[in-house]
Amino acid sequence: MADAGKLNRRIIIGVMSDGFNEDTGRDEGENVFIPSCTVWANVKHVRGSEFFEAAAVKAEKTVTFTIRYRSEVTTDSVIKYGDTLYNIRAINDPSEGHDIQIITAEVV
C-alpha cells in the first residue's frame, strides 16, 4: 500500500477532446482538456536530457506519478499537474495487487 504521506501533490487526470463542445454544438477549434478525476500523487522528475535531432535540440521532460490504483486511467489519458499537461507513456502496477500505479508521462 502506498504511504499516504508521500501522495502530497494534487493532479488532474482527464482526456483531450477534439475541441467540439457538446453543450453549444460548436467546434472550439483546438484540443481541449476534459478533466475526469482529481487525485493525490507523488511526483518525481525523472530526467532532463537533451536529444540532438537534425541539428535541433529537443528537451525531453519525463515525470513519474505514483497514485492509488484507478482502473479508468489508460495510456489515452492525460495528466494536468499545475499548468502543465503530460501524455501518459506507461502505467505500471508494481505489486499486481491494484493498490498503486506508477505512471510514466512526458510533457505534451
PDB file of N, CA and C in Angstrom:
ATOM      1  N   MET A   1       0.846  -1.180   0.000  1.00  0.00           N
ATOM      2  CA  MET A   1       0.000   0.000   0.000  1.00  0.00           C
ATOM      3  C   MET A   1       0.888   1.238   0.000  1.00  0.00           C
ATOM      4  N   ALA A   2       0.441   2.258  -0.696  1.00  0.00           N
ATOM      5  CA  ALA A   2       1.209   3.495  -0.790  1.00  0.00           C
ATOM      6  C   ALA A   2       1.145   4.259   0.520  1.00  0.00           C
ATOM      7  N   ASP A   3       2.279   4.866   0.898  1.00  0.00           N
ATOM      8  CA  ASP A   3       2.323   5.706   2.080  1.00  0.00           C
ATOM      9  C   ASP A   3       1.559   6.989   1.764  1.00  0.00           C
ATOM     10  N   ALA A   4       0.449   7.203   2.439  1.00  0.00           N
ATOM     11  CA  ALA A   4      -0.425   8.341   2.151  1.00  0.00           C
ATOM     12  C   ALA A   4       0.310   9.671   2.298  1.00  0.00           C
ATOM     13  N   GLY A   5       1.297   9.734   3.176  1.00  0.00           N
ATOM     14  CA  GLY A   5       2.058  10.962   3.364  1.00  0.00           C
ATOM     15  C   GLY A   5       2.889  11.348   2.158  1.00  0.00           C
ATOM     16  N   LYS A   6       3.251  10.384   1.339  1.00  0.00           N
ATOM     17  CA  LYS A   6       4.041  10.668   0.145  1.00  0.00           C
ATOM     18  C   LYS A   6       3.177  11.110  -1.031  1.00  0.00           C
ATOM     19  N   LEU A   7       1.882  10.833  -0.974  1.00  0.00           N
ATOM     20  CA  LEU A   7       0.963  11.279  -2.027  1.00  0.00           C
ATOM     21  C   LEU A   7       0.501  12.681  -1.644  1.00  0.00           C
ATOM     22  N   ASN A   8       1.375  13.665  -1.930  1.00  0.00           N
ATOM     23  CA  ASN A   8       1.165  15.009  -1.410  1.00  0.00           C
ATOM     24  C   ASN A   8       0.981  16.087  -2.475  1.00  0.00           C
ATOM     25  N   ARG A   9       0.736  15.698  -3.703  1.00  0.00           N
ATOM     26  CA  ARG A   9       0.520  16.651  -4.794  1.00  0.00           C
ATOM     27  C   ARG A   9      -0.806  16.324  -5.473  1.00  0.00           C
ATOM     28  N   ARG A  10      -1.579  17.351  -5.811  1.00  0.00           N
ATOM     29  CA  ARG A  10      -2.849  17.145  -6.494  1.00  0.00           C
ATOM     30  C   ARG A  10      -2.607  17.161  -8.001  1.00  0.00           C
ATOM     31  N   ILE A  11      -3.115  16.146  -8.686  1.00  0.00           N
ATOM     32  CA  ILE A  11      -3.067  16.109 -10.141  1.00  0.00           C
ATOM     33  C   ILE A  11      -4.480  15.872 -10.652  1.00  0.00           C
ATOM     34  N   ILE A  12      -4.708  16.276 -11.879  1.00  0.00           N
ATOM     35  CA  ILE A  12      -5.999  16.067 -12.522  1.00  0.00           C
ATOM     36  C   ILE A  12      -5.776  15.125 -13.694  1.00  0.00           C
ATOM     37  N   ILE A  13      -6.580  14.075 -13.762  1.00  0.00           N
ATOM     38  CA  ILE A  13      -6.487  13.120 -14.860  1.00  0.00           C
ATOM     39  C   ILE A  13      -7.705  13.324 -15.747  1.00  0.00           C
ATOM     40  N   GLY A  14      -7.476  13.331 -17.037  1.00  0.00           N
ATOM     41  CA  GLY A  14      -8.568  13.540 -17.975  1.00  0.00           C
ATOM     42  C   GLY A  14      -8.188  13.070 -19.360  1.00  0.00           C
ATOM     43  N   VAL A  15      -8.889  13.594 -20.351  1.00  0.00           N
ATOM     44  CA  VAL A  15      -8.638  13.251 -21.752  1.00  0.00           C
ATOM     45  C   VAL A  15      -8.604  14.530 -22.568  1.00  0.00           C
ATOM     46  N   MET A  16      -8.034  14.427 -23.748  1.00  0.00           N
ATOM     47  CA  MET A  16      -8.048  15.547 -24.681  1.00  0.00           C
ATOM     48  C   MET A  16      -9.224  15.354 -25.632  1.00  0.00           C
ATOM     49  N   SER A  17     -10.016  16.391 -25.773  1.00  0.00           N
ATOM     50  CA  SER A  17     -11.170  16.376 -26.667  1.00  0.00           C
ATOM     51  C   SER A  17     -10.745  16.940 -28.013  1.00  0.00           C
ATOM     52  N   ASP A  18     -11.532  16.668 -29.028  1.00  0.00           N
ATOM     53  CA  ASP A  18     -11.227  17.193 -30.359  1.00  0.00           C
ATOM     54  C   ASP A  18     -11.607  18.662 -30.508  1.00  0.00           C
ATOM     55  N   GLY A  19     -12.123  19.267 -29.452  1.00  0.00           N
ATOM     56  CA  GLY A  19     -12.482  20.678 -29.491  1.00  0.00           C
ATOM     57  C   GLY A  19     -13.956  20.927 -29.720  1.00  0.00           C
ATOM     58  N   PHE A  20     -14.738  19.856 -29.959  1.00  0.00           N
ATOM     59  CA  PHE A  20     -16.176  20.015 -30.171  1.00  0.00           C
ATOM     60  C   PHE A  20     -16.884  20.148 -28.835  1.00  0.00           C
ATOM     61  N   ASN A  21     -17.626  21.243 -28.657  1.00  0.00           N
ATOM     62  CA  ASN A  21     -18.360  21.499 -27.425  1.00  0.00           C
ATOM     63  C   ASN A  21     -19.775  20.964 -27.572  1.00  0.00           C
ATOM     64  N   GLU A  22     -20.090  19.873 -26.865  1.00  0.00           N
ATOM     65  CA  GLU A  22     -21.407  19.254 -26.990  1.00  0.00           C
ATOM     66  C   GLU A  22     -22.517  20.141 -26.444  1.00  0.00           C
ATOM     67  N   ASP A  23     -22.192  21.005 -25.473  1.00  0.00           N
ATOM     68  CA  ASP A  23     -23.201  21.890 -24.894  1.00  0.00           C
ATOM     69  C   ASP A  23     -23.676  22.951 -25.885  1.00  0.00           C
ATOM     70  N   THR A  24     -22.735  23.498 -26.650  1.00  0.00           N
ATOM     71  CA  THR A  24     -23.093  24.563 -27.594  1.00  0.00           C
ATOM     72  C   THR A  24     -23.219  24.068 -29.026  1.00  0.00           C
ATOM     73  N   GLY A  25     -22.697  22.878 -29.302  1.00  0.00           N
ATOM     74  CA  GLY A  25     -22.718  22.356 -30.662  1.00  0.00           C
ATOM     75  C   GLY A  25     -21.714  23.032 -31.570  1.00  0.00           C
ATOM     76  N   ARG A  26     -20.732  23.719 -30.961  1.00  0.00           N
ATOM     77  CA  ARG A  26     -19.734  24.436 -31.749  1.00  0.00           C
ATOM     78  C   ARG A  26     -18.371  23.777 -31.635  1.00  0.00           C
ATOM     79  N   ASP A  27     -17.600  23.931 -32.689  1.00  0.00           N
ATOM     80  CA  ASP A  27     -16.219  23.460 -32.677  1.00  0.00           C
ATOM     81  C   ASP A  27     -15.357  24.585 -32.125  1.00  0.00           C
ATOM     82  N   GLU A  28     -14.660  24.327 -31.025  1.00  0.00           N
ATOM     83  CA  GLU A  28     -13.828  25.348 -30.399  1.00  0.00           C
ATOM     84  C   GLU A  28     -12.520  25.559 -31.161  1.00  0.00           C
ATOM     85  N   GLY A  29     -12.214  24.682 -32.110  1.00  0.00           N
ATOM     86  CA  GLY A  29     -11.073  24.879 -32.990  1.00  0.00           C
ATOM     87  C   GLY A  29      -9.742  24.378 -32.486  1.00  0.00           C
ATOM     88  N   GLU A  30      -9.689  23.762 -31.332  1.00  0.00           N
ATOM     89  CA  GLU A  30      -8.428  23.238 -30.817  1.00  0.00           C
ATOM     90  C   GLU A  30      -8.723  22.137 -29.806  1.00  0.00           C
ATOM     91  N   ASN A  31      -7.690  21.393 -29.454  1.00  0.00           N
ATOM     92  CA  ASN A  31      -7.867  20.349 -28.444  1.00  0.00           C
ATOM     93  C   ASN A  31      -8.149  20.981 -27.085  1.00  0.00           C
ATOM     94  N   VAL A  32      -9.032  20.351 -26.340  1.00  0.00           N
ATOM     95  CA  VAL A  32      -9.444  20.856 -25.043  1.00  0.00           C
ATOM     96  C   VAL A  32      -9.258  19.747 -24.017  1.00  0.00           C
ATOM     97  N   PHE A  33      -8.687  20.080 -22.850  1.00  0.00           N
ATOM     98  CA  PHE A  33      -8.516  19.117 -21.775  1.00  0.00           C
ATOM     99  C   PHE A  33      -9.838  18.977 -21.027  1.00  0.00           C
ATOM    100  N   ILE A  34     -10.344  17.741 -20.926  1.00  0.00           N
ATOM    101  CA  ILE A  34     -11.583  17.449 -20.210  1.00  0.00           C
ATOM    102  C   ILE A  34     -11.212  16.641 -18.966  1.00  0.00           C
ATOM    103  N   PRO A  35     -11.326  17.238 -17.759  1.00  0.00           N
ATOM    104  CA  PRO A  35     -10.956  16.519 -16.537  1.00  0.00           C
ATOM    105  C   PRO A  35     -11.951  15.417 -16.193  1.00  0.00           C
ATOM    106  N   SER A  36     -11.451  14.305 -15.652  1.00  0.00           N
ATOM    107  CA  SER A  36     -12.342  13.230 -15.215  1.00  0.00           C
ATOM    108  C   SER A  36     -12.223  12.963 -13.717  1.00  0.00           C
ATOM    109  N   CYS A  37     -11.029  13.173 -13.120  1.00  0.00           N
ATOM    110  CA  CYS A  37     -10.882  12.994 -11.673  1.00  0.00           C
ATOM    111  C   CYS A  37      -9.653  13.749 -11.181  1.00  0.00           C
ATOM    112  N   THR A  38      -9.692  14.098  -9.907  1.00  0.00           N
ATOM    113  CA  THR A  38      -8.563  14.745  -9.235  1.00  0.00           C
ATOM    114  C   THR A  38      -8.088  13.799  -8.143  1.00  0.00           C
ATOM    115  N   VAL A  39      -6.782  13.522  -8.121  1.00  0.00           N
ATOM    116  CA  VAL A  39      -6.240  12.548  -7.176  1.00  0.00           C
ATOM    117  C   VAL A  39      -4.966  13.096  -6.532  1.00  0.00           C
ATOM    118  N   TRP A  40      -4.586  12.465  -5.398  1.00  0.00           N
ATOM    119  CA  TRP A  40      -3.311  12.759  -4.748  1.00  0.00           C
ATOM    120  C   TRP A  40      -2.234  11.902  -5.397  1.00  0.00           C
ATOM    121  N   ALA A  41      -1.050  12.478  -5.569  1.00  0.00           N
ATOM    122  CA  ALA A  41       0.040  11.760  -6.231  1.00  0.00           C
ATOM    123  C   ALA A  41       1.380  12.128  -5.617  1.00  0.00           C
ATOM    124  N   ASN A  42       2.357  11.249  -5.822  1.00  0.00           N
ATOM    125  CA  ASN A  42       3.758  11.538  -5.566  1.00  0.00           C
ATOM    126  C   ASN A  42       4.350  11.845  -6.927  1.00  0.00           C
ATOM    127  N   VAL A  43       5.047  12.965  -7.056  1.00  0.00           N
ATOM    128  CA  VAL A  43       5.571  13.405  -8.348  1.00  0.00           C
ATOM    129  C   VAL A  43       7.089  13.407  -8.296  1.00  0.00           C
ATOM    130  N   LYS A  44       7.716  12.722  -9.269  1.00  0.00           N
ATOM    131  CA  LYS A  44       9.180  12.697  -9.363  1.00  0.00           C
ATOM    132  C   LYS A  44       9.588  13.029 -10.787  1.00  0.00           C
ATOM    133  N   HIS A  45      10.494  13.998 -10.918  1.00  0.00           N
ATOM    134  CA  HIS A  45      11.038  14.351 -12.225  1.00  0.00           C
ATOM    135  C   HIS A  45      12.187  13.401 -12.505  1.00  0.00           C
ATOM    136  N   VAL A  46      12.031  12.611 -13.574  1.00  0.00           N
ATOM    137  CA  VAL A  46      12.977  11.545 -13.857  1.00  0.00           C
ATOM    138  C   VAL A  46      14.260  12.055 -14.470  1.00  0.00           C
ATOM    139  N   ARG A  47      14.150  12.876 -15.483  1.00  0.00           N
ATOM    140  CA  ARG A  47      15.365  13.327 -16.156  1.00  0.00           C
ATOM    141  C   ARG A  47      15.087  14.589 -16.950  1.00  0.00           C
ATOM    142  N   GLY A  48      16.124  15.270 -17.266  1.00  0.00           N
ATOM    143  CA  GLY A  48      16.035  16.438 -18.129  1.00  0.00           C
ATOM    144  C   GLY A  48      17.135  16.327 -19.150  1.00  0.00           C
ATOM    145  N   SER A  49      16.968  15.425 -20.086  1.00  0.00           N
ATOM    146  CA  SER A  49      18.047  15.189 -21.056  1.00  0.00           C
ATOM    147  C   SER A  49      17.754  15.913 -22.361  1.00  0.00           C
ATOM    148  N   GLU A  50      18.774  16.080 -23.134  1.00  0.00           N
ATOM    149  CA  GLU A  50      18.629  16.728 -24.423  1.00  0.00           C
ATOM    150  C   GLU A  50      18.999  15.746 -25.517  1.00  0.00           C
ATOM    151  N   PHE A  51      18.205  15.765 -26.561  1.00  0.00           N
ATOM    152  CA  PHE A  51      18.475  14.931 -27.716  1.00  0.00           C
ATOM    153  C   PHE A  51      18.731  15.836 -28.913  1.00  0.00           C
ATOM    154  N   PHE A  52      19.725  15.473 -29.691  1.00  0.00           N
ATOM    155  CA  PHE A  52      20.048  16.244 -30.877  1.00  0.00           C
ATOM    156  C   PHE A  52      19.448  15.533 -32.082  1.00  0.00           C
ATOM    157  N   GLU A  53      18.522  16.218 -32.740  1.00  0.00           N
ATOM    158  CA  GLU A  53      17.860  15.651 -33.915  1.00  0.00           C
ATOM    159  C   GLU A  53      17.893  16.677 -35.031  1.00  0.00           C
ATOM    160  N   ALA A  54      18.519  16.314 -36.109  1.00  0.00           N
ATOM    161  CA  ALA A  54      18.588  17.168 -37.302  1.00  0.00           C
ATOM    162  C   ALA A  54      19.050  18.584 -36.950  1.00  0.00           C
ATOM    163  N   ALA A  55      20.127  18.672 -36.178  1.00  0.00           N
ATOM    164  CA  ALA A  55      20.748  19.930 -35.758  1.00  0.00           C
ATOM    165  C   ALA A  55      19.840  20.780 -34.880  1.00  0.00           C
ATOM    166  N   ALA A  56      18.802  20.183 -34.314  1.00  0.00           N
ATOM    167  CA  ALA A  56      17.923  20.908 -33.394  1.00  0.00           C
ATOM    168  C   ALA A  56      17.972  20.226 -32.033  1.00  0.00           C
ATOM    169  N   VAL A  57      17.816  20.993 -30.978  1.00  0.00           N
ATOM    170  CA  VAL A  57      17.829  20.438 -29.635  1.00  0.00           C
ATOM    171  C   VAL A  57      16.391  20.298 -29.165  1.00  0.00           C
ATOM    172  N   LYS A  58      16.070  19.105 -28.681  1.00  0.00           N
ATOM    173  CA  LYS A  58      14.724  18.849 -28.164  1.00  0.00           C
ATOM    174  C   LYS A  58      14.861  18.453 -26.703  1.00  0.00           C
ATOM    175  N   ALA A  59      14.283  19.230 -25.811  1.00  0.00           N
ATOM    176  CA  ALA A  59      14.342  18.921 -24.383  1.00  0.00           C
ATOM    177  C   ALA A  59      13.210  17.959 -24.058  1.00  0.00           C
ATOM    178  N   GLU A  60      13.541  16.869 -23.395  1.00  0.00           N
ATOM    179  CA  GLU A  60      12.542  15.875 -23.013  1.00  0.00           C
ATOM    180  C   GLU A  60      12.361  15.930 -21.507  1.00  0.00           C
ATOM    181  N   LYS A  61      11.108  16.047 -21.062  1.00  0.00           N
ATOM    182  CA  LYS A  61      10.810  16.109 -19.639  1.00  0.00           C
ATOM    183  C   LYS A  61       9.928  14.922 -19.283  1.00  0.00           C
ATOM    184  N   THR A  62      10.497  13.986 -18.557  1.00  0.00           N
ATOM    185  CA  THR A  62       9.773  12.796 -18.140  1.00  0.00           C
ATOM    186  C   THR A  62       9.535  12.854 -16.643  1.00  0.00           C
ATOM    187  N   VAL A  63       8.310  12.524 -16.241  1.00  0.00           N
ATOM    188  CA  VAL A  63       7.903  12.580 -14.843  1.00  0.00           C
ATOM    189  C   VAL A  63       7.204  11.282 -14.495  1.00  0.00           C
ATOM    190  N   THR A  64       7.403  10.801 -13.254  1.00  0.00           N
ATOM    191  CA  THR A  64       6.617   9.666 -12.781  1.00  0.00           C
ATOM    192  C   THR A  64       5.640  10.162 -11.730  1.00  0.00           C
ATOM    193  N   PHE A  65       4.414   9.680 -11.855  1.00  0.00           N
ATOM    194  CA  PHE A  65       3.355   9.989 -10.914  1.00  0.00           C
ATOM    195  C   PHE A  65       2.946   8.682 -10.246  1.00  0.00           C
ATOM    196  N   THR A  66       2.988   8.622  -8.930  1.00  0.00           N
ATOM    197  CA  THR A  66       2.509   7.453  -8.196  1.00  0.00           C
ATOM    198  C   THR A  66       1.170   7.827  -7.578  1.00  0.00           C
ATOM    199  N   ILE A  67       0.137   7.032  -7.897  1.00  0.00           N
ATOM    200  CA  ILE A  67      -1.211   7.300  -7.398  1.00  0.00           C
ATOM    201  C   ILE A  67      -1.813   6.012  -6.858  1.00  0.00           C
ATOM    202  N   ARG A  68      -2.910   6.137  -6.125  1.00  0.00           N
ATOM    203  CA  ARG A  68      -3.676   4.945  -5.763  1.00  0.00           C
ATOM    204  C   ARG A  68      -4.292   4.390  -7.041  1.00  0.00           C
ATOM    205  N   TYR A  69      -4.458   3.100  -7.091  1.00  0.00           N
ATOM    206  CA  TYR A  69      -4.927   2.425  -8.297  1.00  0.00           C
ATOM    207  C   TYR A  69      -6.282   2.960  -8.763  1.00  0.00           C
ATOM    208  N   ARG A  70      -6.379   3.259 -10.058  1.00  0.00           N
ATOM    209  CA  ARG A  70      -7.634   3.675 -10.687  1.00  0.00           C
ATOM    210  C   ARG A  70      -7.723   2.956 -12.026  1.00  0.00           C
ATOM    211  N   SER A  71      -8.750   2.120 -12.180  1.00  0.00           N
ATOM    212  CA  SER A  71      -8.868   1.307 -13.390  1.00  0.00           C
ATOM    213  C   SER A  71      -9.136   2.139 -14.639  1.00  0.00           C
ATOM    214  N   GLU A  72      -9.700   3.348 -14.484  1.00  0.00           N
ATOM    215  CA  GLU A  72     -10.043   4.154 -15.655  1.00  0.00           C
ATOM    216  C   GLU A  72      -8.846   4.886 -16.266  1.00  0.00           C
ATOM    217  N   VAL A  73      -7.699   4.864 -15.603  1.00  0.00           N
ATOM    218  CA  VAL A  73      -6.515   5.527 -16.140  1.00  0.00           C
ATOM    219  C   VAL A  73      -5.880   4.620 -17.184  1.00  0.00           C
ATOM    220  N   THR A  74      -5.715   5.152 -18.402  1.00  0.00           N
ATOM    221  CA  THR A  74      -5.113   4.402 -19.510  1.00  0.00           C
ATOM    222  C   THR A  74      -4.053   5.270 -20.182  1.00  0.00           C
ATOM    223  N   THR A  75      -3.375   4.715 -21.154  1.00  0.00           N
ATOM    224  CA  THR A  75      -2.376   5.487 -21.894  1.00  0.00           C
ATOM    225  C   THR A  75      -3.036   6.523 -22.803  1.00  0.00           C
ATOM    226  N   ASP A  76      -4.353   6.494 -22.936  1.00  0.00           N
ATOM    227  CA  ASP A  76      -5.075   7.538 -23.671  1.00  0.00           C
ATOM    228  C   ASP A  76      -5.381   8.733 -22.771  1.00  0.00           C
ATOM    229  N   SER A  77      -5.184   8.576 -21.461  1.00  0.00           N
ATOM    230  CA  SER A  77      -5.454   9.651 -20.514  1.00  0.00           C
ATOM    231  C   SER A  77      -4.329  10.686 -20.552  1.00  0.00           C
ATOM    232  N   VAL A  78      -4.627  11.862 -20.016  1.00  0.00           N
ATOM    233  CA  VAL A  78      -3.672  12.964 -19.921  1.00  0.00           C
ATOM    234  C   VAL A  78      -3.687  13.443 -18.475  1.00  0.00           C
ATOM    235  N   ILE A  79      -2.523  13.841 -17.966  1.00  0.00           N
ATOM    236  CA  ILE A  79      -2.416  14.348 -16.605  1.00  0.00           C
ATOM    237  C   ILE A  79      -2.141  15.846 -16.650  1.00  0.00           C
ATOM    238  N   LYS A  80      -2.843  16.582 -15.810  1.00  0.00           N
ATOM    239  CA  LYS A  80      -2.563  18.006 -15.646  1.00  0.00           C
ATOM    240  C   LYS A  80      -1.995  18.193 -14.244  1.00  0.00           C
ATOM    241  N   TYR A  81      -0.778  18.700 -14.191  1.00  0.00           N
ATOM    242  CA  TYR A  81      -0.100  18.986 -12.922  1.00  0.00           C
ATOM    243  C   TYR A  81       0.331  20.440 -12.976  1.00  0.00           C
ATOM    244  N   GLY A  82      -0.249  21.264 -12.125  1.00  0.00           N
ATOM    245  CA  GLY A  82      -0.021  22.703 -12.225  1.00  0.00           C
ATOM    246  C   GLY A  82      -0.650  23.197 -13.517  1.00  0.00           C
ATOM    247  N   ASP A  83       0.125  23.891 -14.305  1.00  0.00           N
ATOM    248  CA  ASP A  83      -0.356  24.376 -15.603  1.00  0.00           C
ATOM    249  C   ASP A  83       0.153  23.534 -16.758  1.00  0.00           C
ATOM    250  N   THR A  84       0.782  22.398 -16.463  1.00  0.00           N
ATOM    251  CA  THR A  84       1.413  21.576 -17.487  1.00  0.00           C
ATOM    252  C   THR A  84       0.616  20.304 -17.746  1.00  0.00           C
ATOM    253  N   LEU A  85       0.482  19.940 -19.024  1.00  0.00           N
ATOM    254  CA  LEU A  85      -0.176  18.694 -19.421  1.00  0.00           C
ATOM    255  C   LEU A  85       0.885  17.654 -19.755  1.00  0.00           C
ATOM    256  N   TYR A  86       0.607  16.395 -19.371  1.00  0.00           N
ATOM    257  CA  TYR A  86       1.527  15.287 -19.602  1.00  0.00           C
ATOM    258  C   TYR A  86       0.793  14.156 -20.315  1.00  0.00           C
ATOM    259  N   ASN A  87       1.400  13.628 -21.375  1.00  0.00           N
ATOM    260  CA  ASN A  87       0.889  12.424 -22.047  1.00  0.00           C
ATOM    261  C   ASN A  87       1.406  11.210 -21.298  1.00  0.00           C
ATOM    262  N   ILE A  88       0.529  10.258 -21.024  1.00  0.00           N
ATOM    263  CA  ILE A  88       0.925   9.040 -20.328  1.00  0.00           C
ATOM    264  C   ILE A  88       1.585   8.089 -21.323  1.00  0.00           C
ATOM    265  N   ARG A  89       2.796   7.645 -20.999  1.00  0.00           N
ATOM    266  CA  ARG A  89       3.554   6.719 -21.854  1.00  0.00           C
ATOM    267  C   ARG A  89       3.484   5.284 -21.348  1.00  0.00           C
ATOM    268  N   ALA A  90       3.407   5.105 -20.019  1.00  0.00           N
ATOM    269  CA  ALA A  90       3.362   3.750 -19.456  1.00  0.00           C
ATOM    270  C   ALA A  90       2.691   3.793 -18.094  1.00  0.00           C
ATOM    271  N   ILE A  91       1.999   2.688 -17.764  1.00  0.00           N
ATOM    272  CA  ILE A  91       1.361   2.539 -16.466  1.00  0.00           C
ATOM    273  C   ILE A  91       1.806   1.212 -15.889  1.00  0.00           C
ATOM    274  N   ASN A  92       2.336   1.247 -14.660  1.00  0.00           N
ATOM    275  CA  ASN A  92       2.848   0.040 -14.031  1.00  0.00           C
ATOM    276  C   ASN A  92       2.087  -0.216 -12.730  1.00  0.00           C
ATOM    277  N   ASP A  93       1.628  -1.447 -12.553  1.00  0.00           N
ATOM    278  CA  ASP A  93       1.009  -1.894 -11.300  1.00  0.00           C
ATOM    279  C   ASP A  93       2.053  -2.797 -10.638  1.00  0.00           C
ATOM    280  N   PRO A  94       2.992  -2.218  -9.867  1.00  0.00           N
ATOM    281  CA  PRO A  94       4.179  -2.952  -9.433  1.00  0.00           C
ATOM    282  C   PRO A  94       3.910  -4.220  -8.629  1.00  0.00           C
ATOM    283  N   SER A  95       2.894  -4.226  -7.804  1.00  0.00           N
ATOM    284  CA  SER A  95       2.635  -5.410  -6.991  1.00  0.00           C
ATOM    285  C   SER A  95       1.554  -6.303  -7.595  1.00  0.00           C
ATOM    286  N   GLU A  96       0.964  -5.841  -8.689  1.00  0.00           N
ATOM    287  CA  GLU A  96      -0.171  -6.533  -9.318  1.00  0.00           C
ATOM    288  C   GLU A  96      -1.310  -6.731  -8.325  1.00  0.00           C
ATOM    289  N   GLY A  97      -1.327  -5.913  -7.274  1.00  0.00           N
ATOM    290  CA  GLY A  97      -2.364  -6.009  -6.254  1.00  0.00           C
ATOM    291  C   GLY A  97      -3.394  -4.902  -6.371  1.00  0.00           C
ATOM    292  N   HIS A  98      -3.277  -4.074  -7.395  1.00  0.00           N
ATOM    293  CA  HIS A  98      -4.198  -2.972  -7.636  1.00  0.00           C
ATOM    294  C   HIS A  98      -4.302  -2.029  -6.442  1.00  0.00           C
ATOM    295  N   ASP A  99      -3.147  -1.735  -5.824  1.00  0.00           N
ATOM    296  CA  ASP A  99      -3.180  -0.748  -4.752  1.00  0.00           C
ATOM    297  C   ASP A  99      -2.565   0.582  -5.210  1.00  0.00           C
ATOM    298  N   ILE A 100      -1.474   0.544  -5.971  1.00  0.00           N
ATOM    299  CA  ILE A 100      -0.898   1.764  -6.524  1.00  0.00           C
ATOM    300  C   ILE A 100      -0.596   1.569  -8.004  1.00  0.00           C
ATOM    301  N   GLN A 101      -0.425   2.694  -8.689  1.00  0.00           N
ATOM    302  CA  GLN A 101       0.019   2.713 -10.078  1.00  0.00           C
ATOM    303  C   GLN A 101       1.169   3.693 -10.175  1.00  0.00           C
ATOM    304  N   ILE A 102       2.173   3.316 -10.935  1.00  0.00           N
ATOM    305  CA  ILE A 102       3.268   4.220 -11.241  1.00  0.00           C
ATOM    306  C   ILE A 102       3.131   4.583 -12.707  1.00  0.00           C
ATOM    307  N   ILE A 103       2.902   5.864 -12.959  1.00  0.00           N
ATOM    308  CA  ILE A 103       2.636   6.346 -14.311  1.00  0.00           C
ATOM    309  C   ILE A 103       3.840   7.122 -14.805  1.00  0.00           C
ATOM    310  N   THR A 104       4.348   6.757 -15.969  1.00  0.00           N
ATOM    311  CA  THR A 104       5.431   7.496 -16.614  1.00  0.00           C
ATOM    312  C   THR A 104       4.798   8.379 -17.670  1.00  0.00           C
ATOM    313  N   ALA A 105       5.105   9.679 -17.623  1.00  0.00           N
ATOM    314  CA  ALA A 105       4.484  10.626 -18.546  1.00  0.00           C
ATOM    315  C   ALA A 105       5.495  11.648 -19.021  1.00  0.00           C
ATOM    316  N   GLU A 106       5.191  12.247 -20.190  1.00  0.00           N
ATOM    317  CA  GLU A 106       6.059  13.274 -20.771  1.00  0.00           C
ATOM    318  C   GLU A 106       5.228  14.519 -21.044  1.00  0.00           C
ATOM    319  N   VAL A 107       5.891  15.660 -20.968  1.00  0.00           N
ATOM    320  CA  VAL A 107       5.228  16.930 -21.239  1.00  0.00           C
ATOM    321  C   VAL A 107       4.648  16.912 -22.649  1.00  0.00           C
ATOM    322  N   VAL A 108       3.415  17.410 -22.776  1.00  0.00           N
ATOM    323  CA  VAL A 108       2.754  17.480 -24.093  1.00  0.00           C
ATOM    324  C   VAL A 108       3.485  18.482 -24.931  1.00  0.00           C
TER     325      VAL A 108
END
